[in-house]
C-alpha atoms as a PDB file:
ATOM      1  CA  UNK A   1       0.000   0.000   0.000  1.00  0.00           C
ATOM      2  CA  UNK A   2       0.990   3.636  -0.431  1.00  0.00           C
ATOM      3  CA  UNK A   3       0.944   5.191   3.013  1.00  0.00           C
ATOM      4  CA  UNK A   4       1.042   8.869   3.931  1.00  0.00           C
ATOM      5  CA  UNK A   5       2.548   9.288   7.404  1.00  0.00           C
ATOM      6  CA  UNK A   6       2.599  12.272   9.731  1.00  0.00           C
ATOM      7  CA  UNK A   7       4.999  12.446  12.645  1.00  0.00           C
ATOM      8  CA  UNK A   8       7.548  10.344  10.775  1.00  0.00           C
ATOM      9  CA  UNK A   9      10.570  12.078  12.299  1.00  0.00           C
ATOM     10  CA  UNK A  10       9.436  11.418  15.863  1.00  0.00           C
ATOM     11  CA  UNK A  11       9.946   8.505  18.236  1.00  0.00           C
ATOM     12  CA  UNK A  12       6.897   6.531  17.117  1.00  0.00           C
ATOM     13  CA  UNK A  13       7.151   7.714  13.522  1.00  0.00           C
ATOM     14  CA  UNK A  14      10.653   6.323  13.049  1.00  0.00           C
ATOM     15  CA  UNK A  15       9.493   2.887  14.180  1.00  0.00           C
ATOM     16  CA  UNK A  16       6.377   3.145  11.999  1.00  0.00           C
ATOM     17  CA  UNK A  17       8.467   3.822   8.905  1.00  0.00           C
ATOM     18  CA  UNK A  18      10.669   0.816   9.625  1.00  0.00           C
ATOM     19  CA  UNK A  19       7.687  -1.471  10.214  1.00  0.00           C
ATOM     20  CA  UNK A  20       5.730  -0.272   7.174  1.00  0.00           C
ATOM     21  CA  UNK A  21       8.712  -0.726   4.880  1.00  0.00           C
ATOM     22  CA  UNK A  22       9.367  -4.184   6.309  1.00  0.00           C
ATOM     23  CA  UNK A  23       5.823  -5.147   5.338  1.00  0.00           C
ATOM     24  CA  UNK A  24       6.391  -4.002   1.758  1.00  0.00           C
ATOM     25  CA  UNK A  25       4.490  -0.707   1.928  1.00  0.00           C
ATOM     26  CA  UNK A  26       5.810   2.523   0.443  1.00  0.00           C
ATOM     27  CA  UNK A  27       5.855   5.519   2.791  1.00  0.00           C
ATOM     28  CA  UNK A  28       5.505   9.207   2.059  1.00  0.00           C
ATOM     29  CA  UNK A  29       6.253  11.177   5.229  1.00  0.00           C
ATOM     30  CA  UNK A  30       5.305  14.771   5.923  1.00  0.00           C
ATOM     31  CA  UNK A  31       8.338  16.737   7.163  1.00  0.00           C
ATOM     32  CA  UNK A  32       8.178  20.311   8.384  1.00  0.00           C
ATOM     33  CA  UNK A  33      11.912  21.052   8.739  1.00  0.00           C
ATOM     34  CA  UNK A  34      15.260  20.244   7.179  1.00  0.00           C
ATOM     35  CA  UNK A  35      16.069  18.044  10.165  1.00  0.00           C
ATOM     36  CA  UNK A  36      12.776  16.168   9.745  1.00  0.00           C
ATOM     37  CA  UNK A  37      13.446  15.653   6.047  1.00  0.00           C
ATOM     38  CA  UNK A  38      16.815  14.143   6.900  1.00  0.00           C
ATOM     39  CA  UNK A  39      15.390  11.812   9.566  1.00  0.00           C
ATOM     40  CA  UNK A  40      12.563  10.406   7.448  1.00  0.00           C
ATOM     41  CA  UNK A  41      14.874  10.036   4.452  1.00  0.00           C
ATOM     42  CA  UNK A  42      17.443   8.134   6.514  1.00  0.00           C
ATOM     43  CA  UNK A  43      14.618   5.912   7.794  1.00  0.00           C
ATOM     44  CA  UNK A  44      13.729   5.017   4.196  1.00  0.00           C
ATOM     45  CA  UNK A  45      10.612   7.120   3.589  1.00  0.00           C
ATOM     46  CA  UNK A  46      10.012   9.665   0.833  1.00  0.00           C
ATOM     47  CA  UNK A  47       9.845  13.101   2.477  1.00  0.00           C
ATOM     48  CA  UNK A  48       7.265  15.709   1.545  1.00  0.00           C
ATOM     49  CA  UNK A  49       7.950  19.185   2.886  1.00  0.00           C
ATOM     50  CA  UNK A  50       4.958  20.619   4.701  1.00  0.00           C
ATOM     51  CA  UNK A  51       3.463  21.496   8.070  1.00  0.00           C
ATOM     52  CA  UNK A  52       0.197  20.414   9.661  1.00  0.00           C
ATOM     53  CA  UNK A  53      -0.059  23.935  11.071  1.00  0.00           C
ATOM     54  CA  UNK A  54      -0.997  25.019   7.541  1.00  0.00           C
ATOM     55  CA  UNK A  55      -4.296  23.160   8.060  1.00  0.00           C
ATOM     56  CA  UNK A  56      -5.202  24.858  11.347  1.00  0.00           C
ATOM     57  CA  UNK A  57      -7.984  27.357  11.708  1.00  0.00           C
ATOM     58  CA  UNK A  58     -11.756  27.302  11.561  1.00  0.00           C
ATOM     59  CA  UNK A  59     -12.984  26.168   8.182  1.00  0.00           C
ATOM     60  CA  UNK A  60      -9.585  24.851   7.093  1.00  0.00           C
ATOM     61  CA  UNK A  61      -6.703  26.650   5.370  1.00  0.00           C
ATOM     62  CA  UNK A  62      -7.253  29.809   3.363  1.00  0.00           C
ATOM     63  CA  UNK A  63      -4.958  28.393   0.692  1.00  0.00           C
ATOM     64  CA  UNK A  64      -4.745  24.630   0.159  1.00  0.00           C
ATOM     65  CA  UNK A  65      -1.175  23.457   0.883  1.00  0.00           C
ATOM     66  CA  UNK A  66       0.473  21.872  -2.152  1.00  0.00           C
ATOM     67  CA  UNK A  67       1.527  18.784  -0.162  1.00  0.00           C
ATOM     68  CA  UNK A  68      -2.118  17.715   0.122  1.00  0.00           C
ATOM     69  CA  UNK A  69      -1.963  16.821  -3.588  1.00  0.00           C
ATOM     70  CA  UNK A  70      -0.021  13.697  -2.601  1.00  0.00           C
ATOM     71  CA  UNK A  71      -3.170  12.296  -1.011  1.00  0.00           C
ATOM     72  CA  UNK A  72      -4.617  11.646  -4.467  1.00  0.00           C
ATOM     73  CA  UNK A  73      -2.189   8.757  -4.946  1.00  0.00           C
ATOM     74  CA  UNK A  74      -2.410   7.391  -1.389  1.00  0.00           C
ATOM     75  CA  UNK A  75      -4.167   4.263  -0.106  1.00  0.00           C
ATOM     76  CA  UNK A  76      -3.978   5.046   3.606  1.00  0.00           C
ATOM     77  CA  UNK A  77      -3.032   7.810   6.027  1.00  0.00           C
ATOM     78  CA  UNK A  78      -1.401   7.043   9.380  1.00  0.00           C
ATOM     79  CA  UNK A  79      -1.674  10.161  11.507  1.00  0.00           C
ATOM     80  CA  UNK A  80       0.842   9.943  14.337  1.00  0.00           C
ATOM     81  CA  UNK A  81       1.857  13.594  14.679  1.00  0.00           C
ATOM     82  CA  UNK A  82       0.666  15.515  17.721  1.00  0.00           C
ATOM     83  CA  UNK A  83       1.863  17.987  20.309  1.00  0.00           C
ATOM     84  CA  UNK A  84       2.035  15.874  23.447  1.00  0.00           C
ATOM     85  CA  UNK A  85       2.522  17.704  26.752  1.00  0.00           C
ATOM     86  CA  UNK A  86       1.336  17.128  30.295  1.00  0.00           C
ATOM     87  CA  UNK A  87       0.344  20.742  30.744  1.00  0.00           C
ATOM     88  CA  UNK A  88      -1.557  23.335  28.734  1.00  0.00           C
ATOM     89  CA  UNK A  89      -5.088  24.466  28.014  1.00  0.00           C
ATOM     90  CA  UNK A  90      -7.714  22.955  25.747  1.00  0.00           C
ATOM     91  CA  UNK A  91      -7.600  25.869  23.299  1.00  0.00           C
ATOM     92  CA  UNK A  92      -3.914  25.337  22.579  1.00  0.00           C
ATOM     93  CA  UNK A  93      -4.361  21.624  21.897  1.00  0.00           C
ATOM     94  CA  UNK A  94      -7.404  22.311  19.729  1.00  0.00           C
ATOM     95  CA  UNK A  95      -5.334  24.668  17.590  1.00  0.00           C
ATOM     96  CA  UNK A  96      -2.252  22.431  17.450  1.00  0.00           C
ATOM     97  CA  UNK A  97      -3.832  18.966  17.287  1.00  0.00           C
ATOM     98  CA  UNK A  98      -7.583  18.944  16.754  1.00  0.00           C
ATOM     99  CA  UNK A  99      -8.041  21.437  13.919  1.00  0.00           C
ATOM    100  CA  UNK A 100      -5.206  20.095  11.712  1.00  0.00           C
ATOM    101  CA  UNK A 101      -6.365  16.502  12.257  1.00  0.00           C
ATOM    102  CA  UNK A 102      -9.954  17.258  11.289  1.00  0.00           C
ATOM    103  CA  UNK A 103      -8.740  19.117   8.190  1.00  0.00           C
ATOM    104  CA  UNK A 104      -6.333  16.323   7.216  1.00  0.00           C
ATOM    105  CA  UNK A 105      -9.064  13.713   7.566  1.00  0.00           C
ATOM    106  CA  UNK A 106     -11.418  15.799   5.432  1.00  0.00           C
ATOM    107  CA  UNK A 107      -8.739  16.205   2.762  1.00  0.00           C
ATOM    108  CA  UNK A 108      -8.004  12.482   2.784  1.00  0.00           C
ATOM    109  CA  UNK A 109     -11.691  11.643   2.415  1.00  0.00           C
ATOM    110  CA  UNK A 110     -12.053  14.131  -0.433  1.00  0.00           C
ATOM    111  CA  UNK A 111      -9.037  12.564  -2.175  1.00  0.00           C
ATOM    112  CA  UNK A 112     -10.565   9.096  -1.935  1.00  0.00           C
ATOM    113  CA  UNK A 113      -8.099   7.668   0.611  1.00  0.00           C
ATOM    114  CA  UNK A 114      -9.555   4.352   1.756  1.00  0.00           C
ATOM    115  CA  UNK A 115      -8.076   4.201   5.295  1.00  0.00           C
ATOM    116  CA  UNK A 116      -7.303   6.748   7.975  1.00  0.00           C
ATOM    117  CA  UNK A 117      -5.499   5.404  11.035  1.00  0.00           C
ATOM    118  CA  UNK A 118      -5.527   7.844  13.936  1.00  0.00           C
ATOM    119  CA  UNK A 119      -3.025   7.404  16.766  1.00  0.00           C
ATOM    120  CA  UNK A 120      -5.058   8.681  19.687  1.00  0.00           C
ATOM    121  CA  UNK A 121      -4.288   8.045  23.373  1.00  0.00           C
ATOM    122  CA  UNK A 122      -5.476   5.961  26.303  1.00  0.00           C
ATOM    123  CA  UNK A 123      -5.343   9.242  28.201  1.00  0.00           C
ATOM    124  CA  UNK A 124      -8.801  10.089  26.871  1.00  0.00           C
ATOM    125  CA  UNK A 125     -10.177   8.073  29.813  1.00  0.00           C
ATOM    126  CA  UNK A 126      -7.688   8.961  32.573  1.00  0.00           C
ATOM    127  CA  UNK A 127      -9.391  11.355  34.939  1.00  0.00           C
ATOM    128  CA  UNK A 128     -12.872  11.057  36.353  1.00  0.00           C
ATOM    129  CA  UNK A 129     -13.090   7.502  34.995  1.00  0.00           C
ATOM    130  CA  UNK A 130     -11.610   5.394  37.797  1.00  0.00           C
ATOM    131  CA  UNK A 131     -12.326   1.830  36.685  1.00  0.00           C
ATOM    132  CA  UNK A 132      -9.333  -0.436  37.242  1.00  0.00           C
ATOM    133  CA  UNK A 133      -9.791  -2.150  33.868  1.00  0.00           C
ATOM    134  CA  UNK A 134     -11.104  -0.216  30.888  1.00  0.00           C
ATOM    135  CA  UNK A 135     -12.188  -1.322  27.413  1.00  0.00           C
ATOM    136  CA  UNK A 136     -13.708   0.424  24.409  1.00  0.00           C
ATOM    137  CA  UNK A 137     -17.218   0.188  25.868  1.00  0.00           C
ATOM    138  CA  UNK A 138     -16.320   1.854  29.163  1.00  0.00           C
ATOM    139  CA  UNK A 139     -17.546   5.402  29.602  1.00  0.00           C
ATOM    140  CA  UNK A 140     -14.548   7.698  29.101  1.00  0.00           C
ATOM    141  CA  UNK A 141     -15.417  10.228  31.773  1.00  0.00           C
ATOM    142  CA  UNK A 142     -13.439  13.476  31.616  1.00  0.00           C
ATOM    143  CA  UNK A 143      -9.678  13.374  31.153  1.00  0.00           C
ATOM    144  CA  UNK A 144      -7.501  15.127  33.728  1.00  0.00           C
ATOM    145  CA  UNK A 145      -5.344  16.451  30.900  1.00  0.00           C
ATOM    146  CA  UNK A 146      -6.207  18.891  28.136  1.00  0.00           C
ATOM    147  CA  UNK A 147      -4.313  16.703  25.676  1.00  0.00           C
ATOM    148  CA  UNK A 148      -6.618  13.774  26.481  1.00  0.00           C
ATOM    149  CA  UNK A 149      -9.810  15.828  26.394  1.00  0.00           C
ATOM    150  CA  UNK A 150      -8.942  17.213  22.975  1.00  0.00           C
ATOM    151  CA  UNK A 151      -7.900  13.774  21.671  1.00  0.00           C
ATOM    152  CA  UNK A 152     -11.362  12.462  22.550  1.00  0.00           C
ATOM    153  CA  UNK A 153     -13.012  15.440  20.874  1.00  0.00           C
ATOM    154  CA  UNK A 154     -10.947  14.688  17.763  1.00  0.00           C
ATOM    155  CA  UNK A 155     -11.997  11.034  17.757  1.00  0.00           C
ATOM    156  CA  UNK A 156     -15.640  12.089  17.953  1.00  0.00           C
ATOM    157  CA  UNK A 157     -15.261  14.693  15.211  1.00  0.00           C
ATOM    158  CA  UNK A 158     -13.725  12.193  12.789  1.00  0.00           C
ATOM    159  CA  UNK A 159     -16.381   9.586  13.590  1.00  0.00           C
ATOM    160  CA  UNK A 160     -19.102  12.150  12.884  1.00  0.00           C
ATOM    161  CA  UNK A 161     -17.547  13.329   9.623  1.00  0.00           C
ATOM    162  CA  UNK A 162     -19.260  12.480   6.356  1.00  0.00           C
ATOM    163  CA  UNK A 163     -16.618  10.195   4.828  1.00  0.00           C
ATOM    164  CA  UNK A 164     -18.358   6.975   3.697  1.00  0.00           C
ATOM    165  CA  UNK A 165     -15.476   5.864   1.464  1.00  0.00           C
ATOM    166  CA  UNK A 166     -12.794   6.317   4.138  1.00  0.00           C
ATOM    167  CA  UNK A 167     -12.556   3.762   6.934  1.00  0.00           C
ATOM    168  CA  UNK A 168     -11.439   5.319  10.214  1.00  0.00           C
ATOM    169  CA  UNK A 169      -9.526   3.160  12.710  1.00  0.00           C
ATOM    170  CA  UNK A 170      -8.500   4.636  16.065  1.00  0.00           C
ATOM    171  CA  UNK A 171      -5.667   3.301  18.215  1.00  0.00           C
ATOM    172  CA  UNK A 172      -5.422   4.254  21.882  1.00  0.00           C
ATOM    173  CA  UNK A 173      -1.955   3.519  23.302  1.00  0.00           C
ATOM    174  CA  UNK A 174      -1.063   4.221  26.941  1.00  0.00           C
ATOM    175  CA  UNK A 175       2.537   5.064  27.907  1.00  0.00           C
ATOM    176  CA  UNK A 176       4.732   4.349  24.849  1.00  0.00           C
ATOM    177  CA  UNK A 177       8.214   3.062  25.603  1.00  0.00           C
ATOM    178  CA  UNK A 178      11.194   1.578  23.804  1.00  0.00           C
ATOM    179  CA  UNK A 179      14.554   2.473  22.243  1.00  0.00           C
ATOM    180  CA  UNK A 180      14.788   6.062  21.120  1.00  0.00           C
ATOM    181  CA  UNK A 181      12.099   7.385  23.462  1.00  0.00           C
ATOM    182  CA  UNK A 182      12.472  11.056  24.370  1.00  0.00           C
ATOM    183  CA  UNK A 183       9.480  11.505  26.672  1.00  0.00           C
ATOM    184  CA  UNK A 184      11.484  10.463  29.755  1.00  0.00           C
ATOM    185  CA  UNK A 185      14.331  12.973  29.400  1.00  0.00           C
ATOM    186  CA  UNK A 186      13.033  15.445  31.990  1.00  0.00           C
ATOM    187  CA  UNK A 187      12.029  12.683  34.406  1.00  0.00           C
ATOM    188  CA  UNK A 188      15.453  11.048  34.148  1.00  0.00           C
ATOM    189  CA  UNK A 189      17.202  14.341  34.812  1.00  0.00           C
ATOM    190  CA  UNK A 190      14.954  14.990  37.804  1.00  0.00           C
ATOM    191  CA  UNK A 191      15.533  11.490  39.167  1.00  0.00           C
ATOM    192  CA  UNK A 192      19.290  11.886  38.963  1.00  0.00           C
ATOM    193  CA  UNK A 193      18.943  14.972  41.141  1.00  0.00           C
ATOM    194  CA  UNK A 194      16.761  13.145  43.661  1.00  0.00           C
ATOM    195  CA  UNK A 195      13.496  14.607  42.398  1.00  0.00           C
ATOM    196  CA  UNK A 196      11.632  11.338  41.717  1.00  0.00           C
ATOM    197  CA  UNK A 197       8.635  10.637  43.932  1.00  0.00           C
ATOM    198  CA  UNK A 198       6.334   7.626  44.311  1.00  0.00           C
ATOM    199  CA  UNK A 199       2.695   7.763  45.315  1.00  0.00           C
ATOM    200  CA  UNK A 200       1.661   4.954  47.679  1.00  0.00           C
ATOM    201  CA  UNK A 201       5.098   3.382  47.180  1.00  0.00           C
ATOM    202  CA  UNK A 202       4.318   2.877  43.491  1.00  0.00           C
ATOM    203  CA  UNK A 203       2.019  -0.048  44.262  1.00  0.00           C
ATOM    204  CA  UNK A 204      -0.699   0.896  41.770  1.00  0.00           C
ATOM    205  CA  UNK A 205      -1.047  -0.929  38.455  1.00  0.00           C
ATOM    206  CA  UNK A 206      -0.249   0.734  35.140  1.00  0.00           C
ATOM    207  CA  UNK A 207      -0.333  -0.292  31.488  1.00  0.00           C
ATOM    208  CA  UNK A 208       2.035   0.519  28.638  1.00  0.00           C
ATOM    209  CA  UNK A 209       2.937  -0.406  25.072  1.00  0.00           C
ATOM    210  CA  UNK A 210       6.296  -0.994  23.424  1.00  0.00           C
ATOM    211  CA  UNK A 211       6.746   1.267  20.415  1.00  0.00           C
ATOM    212  CA  UNK A 212       7.238  -1.700  18.072  1.00  0.00           C
ATOM    213  CA  UNK A 213       4.055  -3.356  19.315  1.00  0.00           C
ATOM    214  CA  UNK A 214       2.162  -0.142  18.593  1.00  0.00           C
ATOM    215  CA  UNK A 215       3.745  -0.005  15.131  1.00  0.00           C
ATOM    216  CA  UNK A 216       2.539  -3.562  14.535  1.00  0.00           C
ATOM    217  CA  UNK A 217      -1.005  -2.522  15.476  1.00  0.00           C
ATOM    218  CA  UNK A 218      -0.867   0.437  13.099  1.00  0.00           C
ATOM    219  CA  UNK A 219       0.193  -1.826  10.225  1.00  0.00           C
ATOM    220  CA  UNK A 220      -2.651  -4.238  11.016  1.00  0.00           C
ATOM    221  CA  UNK A 221      -5.095  -1.309  11.058  1.00  0.00           C
ATOM    222  CA  UNK A 222      -4.304  -0.617   7.398  1.00  0.00           C
ATOM    223  CA  UNK A 223      -6.456  -3.576   6.420  1.00  0.00           C
ATOM    224  CA  UNK A 224      -8.374  -4.551   9.574  1.00  0.00           C
ATOM    225  CA  UNK A 225     -10.610  -2.940  12.157  1.00  0.00           C
ATOM    226  CA  UNK A 226     -14.153  -1.646  12.281  1.00  0.00           C
ATOM    227  CA  UNK A 227     -14.938   1.866  11.087  1.00  0.00           C
ATOM    228  CA  UNK A 228     -14.948   4.440  13.863  1.00  0.00           C
ATOM    229  CA  UNK A 229     -13.917   1.948  16.508  1.00  0.00           C
ATOM    230  CA  UNK A 230     -11.244   2.866  19.076  1.00  0.00           C
ATOM    231  CA  UNK A 231      -8.844   0.081  20.047  1.00  0.00           C
ATOM    232  CA  UNK A 232      -6.726   0.075  23.182  1.00  0.00           C
ATOM    233  CA  UNK A 233      -3.264  -1.262  22.337  1.00  0.00           C
ATOM    234  CA  UNK A 234      -0.900  -2.390  25.112  1.00  0.00           C
ATOM    235  CA  UNK A 235       1.789  -4.972  25.773  1.00  0.00           C
ATOM    236  CA  UNK A 236      -0.832  -7.034  27.589  1.00  0.00           C
ATOM    237  CA  UNK A 237       1.290  -7.241  30.751  1.00  0.00           C
ATOM    238  CA  UNK A 238       0.214  -4.552  33.236  1.00  0.00           C
ATOM    239  CA  UNK A 239       2.411  -4.272  36.324  1.00  0.00           C
ATOM    240  CA  UNK A 240       2.979  -2.029  39.308  1.00  0.00           C
ATOM    241  CA  UNK A 241       4.240   1.456  38.639  1.00  0.00           C
ATOM    242  CA  UNK A 242       7.257   0.772  40.872  1.00  0.00           C
ATOM    243  CA  UNK A 243       8.304  -2.344  38.962  1.00  0.00           C
ATOM    244  CA  UNK A 244       7.895  -0.700  35.562  1.00  0.00           C
ATOM    245  CA  UNK A 245       9.622   2.603  36.209  1.00  0.00           C
ATOM    246  CA  UNK A 246      12.395   1.218  38.406  1.00  0.00           C
ATOM    247  CA  UNK A 247      13.448  -1.072  35.556  1.00  0.00           C
ATOM    248  CA  UNK A 248      12.887   1.511  32.810  1.00  0.00           C
ATOM    249  CA  UNK A 249      14.730   4.317  34.585  1.00  0.00           C
ATOM    250  CA  UNK A 250      17.633   1.990  35.302  1.00  0.00           C
ATOM    251  CA  UNK A 251      18.222   1.618  31.556  1.00  0.00           C
ATOM    252  CA  UNK A 252      18.732   5.393  31.493  1.00  0.00           C
ATOM    253  CA  UNK A 253      21.167   5.355  34.392  1.00  0.00           C
ATOM    254  CA  UNK A 254      18.711   6.570  37.043  1.00  0.00           C
ATOM    255  CA  UNK A 255      18.081   4.672  40.290  1.00  0.00           C
ATOM    256  CA  UNK A 256      14.629   5.442  41.686  1.00  0.00           C
ATOM    257  CA  UNK A 257      14.130   2.324  43.811  1.00  0.00           C
ATOM    258  CA  UNK A 258      14.667   4.137  47.117  1.00  0.00           C
ATOM    259  CA  UNK A 259      12.958   7.401  46.192  1.00  0.00           C
ATOM    260  CA  UNK A 260      10.614   8.984  48.692  1.00  0.00           C
ATOM    261  CA  UNK A 261       6.902   8.157  48.666  1.00  0.00           C
ATOM    262  CA  UNK A 262       3.813  10.201  49.521  1.00  0.00           C
ATOM    263  CA  UNK A 263       0.448   8.636  50.443  1.00  0.00           C
ATOM    264  CA  UNK A 264      -2.348   9.302  47.972  1.00  0.00           C
ATOM    265  CA  UNK A 265      -4.496  10.709  50.790  1.00  0.00           C
ATOM    266  CA  UNK A 266      -1.977  13.529  51.169  1.00  0.00           C
ATOM    267  CA  UNK A 267      -0.825  13.884  47.557  1.00  0.00           C
ATOM    268  CA  UNK A 268      -4.299  14.216  45.999  1.00  0.00           C
ATOM    269  CA  UNK A 269      -5.536  17.313  47.908  1.00  0.00           C
ATOM    270  CA  UNK A 270      -2.128  18.973  47.646  1.00  0.00           C
ATOM    271  CA  UNK A 271      -2.112  18.347  43.894  1.00  0.00           C
ATOM    272  CA  UNK A 272      -5.573  19.843  43.548  1.00  0.00           C
ATOM    273  CA  UNK A 273      -4.431  23.052  45.279  1.00  0.00           C
ATOM    274  CA  UNK A 274      -1.114  23.301  43.424  1.00  0.00           C
ATOM    275  CA  UNK A 275      -2.645  22.438  40.047  1.00  0.00           C
ATOM    276  CA  UNK A 276      -5.534  24.858  40.508  1.00  0.00           C
ATOM    277  CA  UNK A 277      -3.257  27.652  41.628  1.00  0.00           C
ATOM    278  CA  UNK A 278      -0.926  27.183  38.675  1.00  0.00           C
ATOM    279  CA  UNK A 279      -3.869  27.396  36.297  1.00  0.00           C
ATOM    280  CA  UNK A 280      -5.191  30.553  37.918  1.00  0.00           C
ATOM    281  CA  UNK A 281      -1.740  32.096  37.518  1.00  0.00           C
ATOM    282  CA  UNK A 282      -1.633  30.820  33.919  1.00  0.00           C
ATOM    283  CA  UNK A 283       1.725  29.174  34.388  1.00  0.00           C
ATOM    284  CA  UNK A 284       3.257  27.973  31.152  1.00  0.00           C
ATOM    285  CA  UNK A 285       5.015  25.039  32.777  1.00  0.00           C
ATOM    286  CA  UNK A 286       3.507  22.357  34.982  1.00  0.00           C
ATOM    287  CA  UNK A 287       4.037  22.439  38.749  1.00  0.00           C
ATOM    288  CA  UNK A 288       5.785  19.513  40.413  1.00  0.00           C
ATOM    289  CA  UNK A 289       2.481  17.922  41.479  1.00  0.00           C
ATOM    290  CA  UNK A 290      -0.613  17.909  39.250  1.00  0.00           C
ATOM    291  CA  UNK A 291      -4.016  16.266  39.018  1.00  0.00           C
ATOM    292  CA  UNK A 292      -2.716  14.369  35.995  1.00  0.00           C
ATOM    293  CA  UNK A 293       0.136  12.870  38.018  1.00  0.00           C
ATOM    294  CA  UNK A 294      -2.351  11.757  40.676  1.00  0.00           C
ATOM    295  CA  UNK A 295      -4.641  10.214  38.046  1.00  0.00           C
ATOM    296  CA  UNK A 296      -1.735   8.246  36.577  1.00  0.00           C
ATOM    297  CA  UNK A 297       0.330   7.210  39.577  1.00  0.00           C
ATOM    298  CA  UNK A 298      -2.288   7.162  42.324  1.00  0.00           C
ATOM    299  CA  UNK A 299      -4.795   4.716  40.826  1.00  0.00           C
ATOM    300  CA  UNK A 300      -4.865   1.246  39.324  1.00  0.00           C
ATOM    301  CA  UNK A 301      -5.435   1.213  35.573  1.00  0.00           C
ATOM    302  CA  UNK A 302      -5.161  -1.485  32.914  1.00  0.00           C
ATOM    303  CA  UNK A 303      -6.719  -1.809  29.461  1.00  0.00           C
ATOM    304  CA  UNK A 304      -8.520  -4.797  27.984  1.00  0.00           C
ATOM    305  CA  UNK A 305      -7.084  -5.393  24.499  1.00  0.00           C
ATOM    306  CA  UNK A 306      -9.519  -8.150  23.531  1.00  0.00           C
ATOM    307  CA  UNK A 307     -11.025  -6.020  20.759  1.00  0.00           C
ATOM    308  CA  UNK A 308      -7.597  -5.351  19.208  1.00  0.00           C
ATOM    309  CA  UNK A 309      -6.799  -9.053  19.383  1.00  0.00           C
ATOM    310  CA  UNK A 310     -10.107 -10.033  17.751  1.00  0.00           C
ATOM    311  CA  UNK A 311     -10.612  -7.304  15.151  1.00  0.00           C
ATOM    312  CA  UNK A 312      -7.034  -6.418  14.256  1.00  0.00           C
ATOM    313  CA  UNK A 313      -5.382  -9.759  14.901  1.00  0.00           C
ATOM    314  CA  UNK A 314      -3.025  -7.912  17.243  1.00  0.00           C
ATOM    315  CA  UNK A 315      -0.539  -9.918  19.309  1.00  0.00           C
ATOM    316  CA  UNK A 316       2.108  -8.103  21.390  1.00  0.00           C
ATOM    317  CA  UNK A 317       5.436  -9.167  19.904  1.00  0.00           C
ATOM    318  CA  UNK A 318       7.941  -7.450  22.213  1.00  0.00           C
ATOM    319  CA  UNK A 319       7.859  -8.445  25.881  1.00  0.00           C
ATOM    320  CA  UNK A 320       9.023  -6.333  28.818  1.00  0.00           C
ATOM    321  CA  UNK A 321      12.344  -8.082  29.411  1.00  0.00           C
ATOM    322  CA  UNK A 322      13.245  -8.112  25.719  1.00  0.00           C
ATOM    323  CA  UNK A 323      12.327  -4.445  25.408  1.00  0.00           C
ATOM    324  CA  UNK A 324      14.528  -3.515  28.365  1.00  0.00           C
ATOM    325  CA  UNK A 325      17.495  -5.301  26.814  1.00  0.00           C
ATOM    326  CA  UNK A 326      17.099  -3.134  23.686  1.00  0.00           C
ATOM    327  CA  UNK A 327      17.409  -0.025  25.818  1.00  0.00           C
ATOM    328  CA  UNK A 328      20.466  -1.035  27.827  1.00  0.00           C
ATOM    329  CA  UNK A 329      23.568   1.048  27.043  1.00  0.00           C
END
């Protein structure tokens, strides 16, 4: 298949290119900078210079970007690009993520693209939804993070769009890990300075997905999956937060095993005050303790991937121990 990929120069995107090429697909990757062009080219994809920001704005772009012409010769779009931050307001994520995604989907449908695979996030249901195990039929509640709230709004907008010839498949990964990950850089630096903190000794359960397992799911979604259906995609091996992050941080040279711990009963109300105060002051950076951190590290959460197994034929290929070995220096 001819696949148009966004986010190809990023952590997930680099693995997606490798996996797509290995399956015999050709990949055209959107690249917004010279550095991005170099990265996607080195990965084996054909770069197309352009920026999703050109699609932002109510009603779509005033002038249609030339790179959209490539969609006429494309079989499927895999949309992996997004601004992912643990702080910020809904309006910013709507402008940066939601509006361009809706416009890209509309352009793909108009060009006759048969598949649109959206990389969403399990974070759409991390907040007021406190079930310990969640599947696609569980009520999402309200996410504790603007990124998650806007991701859910984007899912709904694409499902409601009039695009009968374009099958939409939505993947919801939780924490994505693996070689080349950049999302832990700040946490690793903080941990090395003694800034890591557990909640309830890290005893709560979390779920996660290796980047290559997620890439496998995206490839499967090119030909499988029900229209408009979201699929949680994980490694299928939830474990305690302490076990996961102690091992993961160790691969980055950070020892967090003996870090201090705060009980949830104390951390939650403090986070509410600190988080609320930071928002009132319109801080641009997140405080050290937030409602999002409480929602992630202070509660048990796993995802049922039965639907991905049944509809996509998904089987996690990379296990935890094997994935850790890949990340060892």
